Protein backbone atom coordinates (compact mmCIF):
# COMPACT_ATOMS: atom_id res chain seq x y z
CA MET A 1 -76.14 52.51 -32.54
CA LYS A 2 -77.96 55.74 -31.86
CA ILE A 3 -81.43 54.77 -30.53
CA LEU A 4 -84.47 56.77 -29.61
CA ILE A 5 -86.76 55.25 -27.00
CA THR A 6 -90.14 56.78 -26.35
CA GLY A 7 -92.02 56.08 -23.12
CA ALA A 8 -88.58 55.78 -21.50
CA GLY A 9 -89.94 56.69 -18.16
CA GLY A 10 -92.32 53.69 -18.06
CA LEU A 11 -91.75 50.17 -16.84
CA LEU A 12 -90.52 48.67 -20.06
CA GLY A 13 -88.90 51.90 -21.29
CA SER A 14 -86.81 52.31 -18.17
CA HIS A 15 -85.50 48.78 -18.32
CA ALA A 16 -84.88 49.14 -22.03
CA VAL A 17 -82.71 52.26 -21.37
CA LYS A 18 -80.60 50.33 -18.93
CA GLN A 19 -80.34 47.33 -21.14
CA LEU A 20 -79.14 49.20 -24.07
CA ILE A 21 -77.01 52.01 -22.73
CA GLY A 22 -73.90 49.97 -22.36
CA SER A 23 -73.01 49.85 -26.11
CA ASN A 24 -75.38 52.45 -27.66
CA GLU A 25 -76.06 56.17 -27.60
CA ILE A 26 -79.58 56.38 -26.10
CA HIS A 27 -81.97 59.34 -26.57
CA ALA A 28 -84.84 58.84 -24.17
CA LEU A 29 -88.16 60.61 -24.76
CA VAL A 30 -90.06 61.19 -21.52
CA HIS A 31 -93.22 62.92 -20.45
CA SER A 32 -91.40 64.65 -17.54
CA ALA A 33 -87.82 64.81 -16.26
CA PRO A 34 -86.74 61.62 -14.47
CA VAL A 35 -86.25 61.62 -10.78
CA GLU A 36 -83.14 59.45 -11.27
CA ALA A 37 -81.50 59.96 -14.67
CA VAL A 38 -79.37 57.10 -16.07
CA PRO A 39 -75.80 58.34 -16.68
CA ASP A 40 -74.87 59.08 -20.36
CA VAL A 41 -78.56 58.98 -21.59
CA VAL A 42 -79.83 62.08 -23.36
CA TYR A 43 -83.34 62.94 -22.18
CA HIS A 44 -85.90 64.81 -24.18
CA VAL A 45 -89.05 65.96 -22.38
CA VAL A 46 -91.91 65.88 -24.87
CA ASP A 47 -95.56 65.54 -24.40
CA LEU A 48 -96.68 63.24 -27.29
CA ALA A 49 -100.29 64.25 -26.69
CA GLY A 50 -99.28 67.57 -28.28
CA SER A 51 -98.20 68.32 -31.81
CA ASP A 52 -94.67 69.75 -31.08
CA GLY A 53 -91.43 68.60 -29.49
CA LEU A 54 -89.89 66.22 -32.14
CA GLY A 55 -87.77 69.10 -33.49
CA GLN A 56 -85.34 68.70 -30.54
CA LEU A 57 -84.48 65.09 -31.65
CA PRO A 58 -81.22 64.11 -33.38
CA ASP A 59 -81.11 64.81 -37.05
CA GLU A 60 -79.95 61.19 -37.60
CA ILE A 61 -80.98 58.08 -35.75
CA ASP A 62 -80.30 54.36 -36.28
CA ALA A 63 -83.45 53.00 -34.61
CA VAL A 64 -86.67 54.20 -32.95
CA ILE A 65 -88.21 52.10 -30.25
CA HIS A 66 -91.82 53.48 -29.76
CA LEU A 67 -93.05 52.31 -26.31
CA ALA A 68 -95.10 55.32 -25.24
CA GLN A 69 -98.74 55.00 -24.68
CA SER A 70 -101.49 57.18 -23.32
CA ALA A 71 -101.79 57.05 -19.49
CA ARG A 72 -105.50 57.99 -19.93
CA PHE A 73 -106.40 54.65 -21.68
CA ARG A 74 -109.11 53.87 -19.07
CA GLU A 75 -110.81 57.27 -19.63
CA PHE A 76 -112.81 56.81 -22.80
CA PRO A 77 -114.59 58.83 -24.03
CA ASP A 78 -113.40 61.77 -22.07
CA GLN A 79 -109.75 61.38 -22.86
CA ALA A 80 -110.14 59.84 -26.40
CA ALA A 81 -108.14 62.75 -27.88
CA ASP A 82 -105.19 61.99 -25.57
CA VAL A 83 -105.35 58.26 -26.39
CA PHE A 84 -105.46 59.04 -30.16
CA ASN A 85 -102.75 61.61 -30.14
CA VAL A 86 -100.25 59.46 -28.02
CA ASN A 87 -101.08 56.04 -29.57
CA VAL A 88 -101.72 56.93 -33.22
CA ALA A 89 -100.85 60.51 -34.17
CA SER A 90 -97.40 60.30 -32.50
CA THR A 91 -96.73 56.96 -34.21
CA ALA A 92 -97.34 58.64 -37.58
CA ARG A 93 -94.93 61.48 -36.70
CA LEU A 94 -92.22 59.15 -35.42
CA LEU A 95 -92.47 56.94 -38.41
CA GLU A 96 -91.78 60.01 -40.62
CA TYR A 97 -89.03 61.18 -38.13
CA ALA A 98 -87.45 57.66 -38.52
CA ARG A 99 -87.71 57.84 -42.29
CA ARG A 100 -86.20 61.30 -42.61
CA SER A 101 -83.46 60.54 -40.08
CA ARG A 102 -82.40 57.54 -42.05
CA ALA A 103 -83.25 55.04 -39.32
CA ARG A 104 -82.64 51.38 -40.02
CA ALA A 105 -85.27 50.01 -37.67
CA PHE A 106 -88.63 50.90 -36.09
CA ILE A 107 -90.04 48.89 -33.30
CA LEU A 108 -93.52 49.49 -32.17
CA ALA A 109 -95.08 48.30 -28.84
CA SER A 110 -98.64 47.03 -29.20
CA SER A 111 -100.87 44.83 -27.13
CA GLY A 112 -101.86 41.19 -27.11
CA GLY A 113 -105.29 42.50 -26.40
CA VAL A 114 -105.86 43.05 -30.16
CA TYR A 115 -106.60 39.33 -30.45
CA GLY A 116 -109.73 39.51 -28.21
CA THR A 117 -110.05 36.50 -25.96
CA GLY A 118 -110.11 32.72 -26.72
CA ASP A 119 -109.50 29.18 -25.26
CA LYS A 120 -106.30 28.59 -27.28
CA ALA A 121 -103.05 30.45 -27.37
CA PHE A 122 -103.02 33.16 -30.22
CA LYS A 123 -100.50 32.96 -32.91
CA GLU A 124 -99.42 36.13 -34.68
CA ASN A 125 -101.43 35.24 -37.77
CA ALA A 126 -104.69 34.82 -35.75
CA VAL A 127 -107.79 36.61 -37.10
CA ILE A 128 -108.24 39.93 -35.41
CA PRO A 129 -111.85 40.63 -34.07
CA GLN A 130 -114.04 43.16 -35.79
CA HIS A 131 -112.50 46.45 -34.97
CA GLY A 132 -115.66 47.83 -33.37
CA GLN A 133 -115.40 45.09 -30.67
CA LEU A 134 -111.87 45.96 -29.51
CA GLY A 135 -112.59 49.14 -27.79
CA TYR A 136 -111.01 52.52 -28.22
CA TYR A 137 -107.66 51.86 -26.66
CA LEU A 138 -106.99 48.59 -28.53
CA GLY A 139 -108.47 50.01 -31.67
CA SER A 140 -105.81 52.75 -31.44
CA LYS A 141 -103.00 50.21 -30.86
CA LEU A 142 -104.20 48.36 -33.99
CA CYS A 143 -104.25 51.64 -35.97
CA ALA A 144 -100.72 52.30 -34.96
CA GLU A 145 -99.74 48.78 -36.22
CA VAL A 146 -101.32 49.43 -39.60
CA LEU A 147 -99.41 52.74 -39.88
CA ALA A 148 -96.08 51.05 -38.91
CA GLN A 149 -96.53 48.20 -41.31
CA ASN A 150 -96.96 50.60 -44.24
CA TYR A 151 -93.27 51.64 -43.67
CA ALA A 152 -92.03 48.07 -44.03
CA SER A 153 -90.56 48.88 -47.49
CA LEU A 154 -88.62 51.77 -46.03
CA LEU A 155 -87.55 50.54 -42.57
CA ASN A 156 -87.12 47.25 -40.71
CA VAL A 157 -90.42 47.26 -38.89
CA SER A 158 -91.20 45.06 -35.81
CA VAL A 159 -94.52 45.15 -34.03
CA LEU A 160 -94.44 43.57 -30.65
CA ARG A 161 -97.67 42.53 -28.97
CA PHE A 162 -96.99 42.46 -25.27
CA PHE A 163 -98.93 40.31 -22.87
CA PHE A 164 -99.08 41.34 -19.14
CA ILE A 165 -95.61 42.73 -18.54
CA TYR A 166 -94.68 42.91 -14.80
CA GLY A 167 -91.57 43.98 -12.81
CA ARG A 168 -89.78 46.21 -10.39
CA GLY A 169 -91.26 49.86 -10.50
CA GLN A 170 -94.55 48.97 -12.13
CA LYS A 171 -97.43 51.20 -11.34
CA ARG A 172 -99.67 49.84 -8.56
CA SER A 173 -102.81 50.24 -10.73
CA MET A 174 -101.57 47.48 -13.17
CA LEU A 175 -102.84 43.94 -12.93
CA LEU A 176 -100.11 42.13 -10.90
CA PRO A 177 -99.21 44.95 -8.49
CA ARG A 178 -102.93 45.44 -7.90
CA LEU A 179 -103.38 41.73 -7.08
CA VAL A 180 -100.55 42.01 -4.69
CA ASP A 181 -102.01 44.99 -2.90
CA ASN A 182 -105.42 43.52 -2.74
CA ILE A 183 -104.33 40.07 -1.45
CA ARG A 184 -102.19 41.69 1.22
CA ALA A 185 -105.22 43.79 2.26
CA GLY A 186 -107.59 40.92 2.27
CA VAL A 187 -109.68 42.21 -0.57
CA PRO A 188 -111.54 39.27 -2.39
CA ILE A 189 -110.24 38.36 -5.75
CA THR A 190 -113.14 37.67 -8.12
CA LEU A 191 -112.43 34.91 -10.58
CA GLN A 192 -114.32 34.25 -13.82
CA GLY A 193 -115.48 30.61 -13.39
CA GLN A 194 -113.74 28.32 -10.95
CA ASP A 195 -110.11 29.21 -11.73
CA GLY A 196 -110.34 32.58 -13.61
CA ILE A 197 -108.70 33.39 -16.95
CA ARG A 198 -105.47 31.96 -18.12
CA ILE A 199 -102.56 34.24 -19.05
CA ASN A 200 -98.82 34.05 -19.57
CA PRO A 201 -97.24 37.16 -18.05
CA ILE A 202 -93.69 38.16 -18.79
CA HIS A 203 -90.92 39.59 -16.59
CA VAL A 204 -89.86 42.97 -17.82
CA SER A 205 -86.23 41.81 -18.14
CA TYR A 206 -87.22 39.43 -20.89
CA ALA A 207 -89.45 42.02 -22.58
CA ALA A 208 -86.40 44.29 -22.70
CA LEU A 209 -84.18 41.51 -24.16
CA ALA A 210 -86.79 40.98 -26.86
CA LEU A 211 -86.60 44.62 -27.80
CA GLU A 212 -82.74 44.34 -28.00
CA SER A 213 -82.96 41.33 -30.26
CA CYS A 214 -85.37 43.12 -32.64
CA LEU A 215 -82.64 45.76 -33.35
CA GLN A 216 -80.69 43.01 -35.29
CA LEU A 217 -83.58 41.87 -37.53
CA THR A 218 -84.17 42.75 -41.13
CA GLY A 219 -87.54 42.90 -42.81
CA SER A 220 -91.05 43.27 -41.36
CA HIS A 221 -92.08 41.07 -38.32
CA THR A 222 -94.88 40.76 -35.75
CA PHE A 223 -94.24 38.98 -32.49
CA ASN A 224 -96.14 37.98 -29.39
CA ILE A 225 -94.12 38.85 -26.26
CA ALA A 226 -95.23 36.82 -23.27
CA GLY A 227 -93.96 34.41 -20.63
CA ASN A 228 -93.33 30.69 -20.93
CA GLU A 229 -95.64 29.81 -18.07
CA ILE A 230 -99.42 29.70 -18.65
CA LEU A 231 -101.27 30.29 -15.31
CA THR A 232 -104.85 30.70 -14.13
CA MET A 233 -105.71 33.79 -12.06
CA ARG A 234 -106.20 31.34 -9.10
CA GLU A 235 -102.72 30.02 -9.50
CA ILE A 236 -101.31 33.62 -9.71
CA ALA A 237 -103.21 34.73 -6.72
CA GLU A 238 -102.09 31.76 -4.69
CA THR A 239 -98.49 32.31 -5.66
CA ILE A 240 -98.80 35.91 -4.57
CA GLY A 241 -100.59 34.72 -1.39
CA ARG A 242 -97.49 32.58 -0.51
CA ALA A 243 -95.23 35.48 -1.09
CA VAL A 244 -97.10 37.90 1.14
CA GLY A 245 -98.08 35.40 3.72
CA ARG A 246 -101.74 35.79 3.31
CA GLU A 247 -104.26 33.24 1.71
CA PRO A 248 -106.31 34.97 -1.02
CA VAL A 249 -110.07 35.17 -0.72
CA PHE A 250 -112.09 33.92 -3.74
CA PRO A 251 -115.79 34.83 -4.03
CA SER A 252 -117.74 32.69 -6.50
CA ASP A 253 -118.46 33.88 -10.00
CA SER A 254 -120.47 32.10 -12.65
CA VAL A 255 -119.12 34.11 -15.56
CA GLU A 256 -117.24 32.06 -18.07
CA PRO A 257 -113.51 32.79 -18.24
CA ARG A 258 -112.19 34.77 -21.17
CA HIS A 259 -108.56 33.66 -21.66
CA LEU A 260 -105.76 35.75 -23.26
CA ILE A 261 -102.78 33.52 -23.93
CA ALA A 262 -99.96 34.14 -26.35
CA ASN A 263 -98.20 31.56 -28.50
CA ILE A 264 -94.59 32.53 -28.26
CA ASP A 265 -92.90 30.01 -30.60
CA ALA A 266 -91.83 32.80 -32.92
CA MET A 267 -90.42 34.93 -30.15
CA LYS A 268 -88.36 31.90 -28.76
CA VAL A 269 -86.84 31.26 -32.17
CA ALA A 270 -86.00 34.80 -33.24
CA LEU A 271 -85.67 36.93 -30.11
CA THR A 272 -85.36 35.37 -26.57
CA VAL A 273 -86.71 32.43 -24.35
CA PRO A 274 -88.21 33.89 -21.22
CA LYS A 275 -86.96 32.08 -18.16
CA VAL A 276 -88.15 34.03 -15.15
CA ARG A 277 -91.04 32.14 -13.47
CA LEU A 278 -93.80 34.16 -11.62
CA ALA A 279 -92.77 32.64 -8.28
CA GLN A 280 -89.31 34.16 -8.83
CA GLY A 281 -90.41 37.55 -10.30
CA ILE A 282 -93.28 38.33 -8.00
CA GLY A 283 -90.95 39.41 -5.10
CA GLU A 284 -90.23 42.54 -7.02
CA LEU A 285 -93.77 43.70 -6.66
CA LEU A 286 -93.96 43.26 -2.88
CA LEU A 287 -92.51 46.77 -2.21
CA PRO A 288 -94.62 49.85 -3.09
């Protein structure tokens, strides 16, 4: 297959490129030229925050995997335009590119955060909170989902709602690498309630396997992509503490925990069953 992967320089994108290159022709859309290019991958340097750049892409493509997201997602409202252009406007342009290029499949990376928070694991048919309560970034991800789903009669559209991906090469500002650095430095880890929120993070290798499996699907689908292991933040911090050889410090906090847990029954049936436990995978985050 000839596959375009956007966000190919990011954590999931870089792993997806390596996962798929063996038996496919990969076109990797990146914000800047990679330091270590993967052999046989065709790289396209495009700033999706702008309006140009897609003209350099192949005239025909079999699948588009749209993983790119704005790196300025924490900077609302100052960088609202960047978030919109990358998360929403580029999705619209890539959907049209996929249609014109006679693609069979379009896979969109969204976020499990669109569900809000709750005490029970969210299924894919859960009611989405009022859109004004999501915040600008999650609102933009939901907008992208709506755009993609409107192409379901023209393409095989898969929307993947990812929950806390982690793995080798992840930015240190993201949740699990930040926890590693803080625990190692003795920075207190504030928990909501006694044990903190519950989440089920997924190792990037299984997130990439889920992407690969989606390429074989027909029809329109939405999947939660998360790990098999539901953990409290206390359990996660203690696991990291054992790995770095330092006991985490937990100051008290009376705030009620706001859990974000994915039900992954559909993922396990149709895509892959994640098997990497946090105690195994966390070692990849110990190096800068």
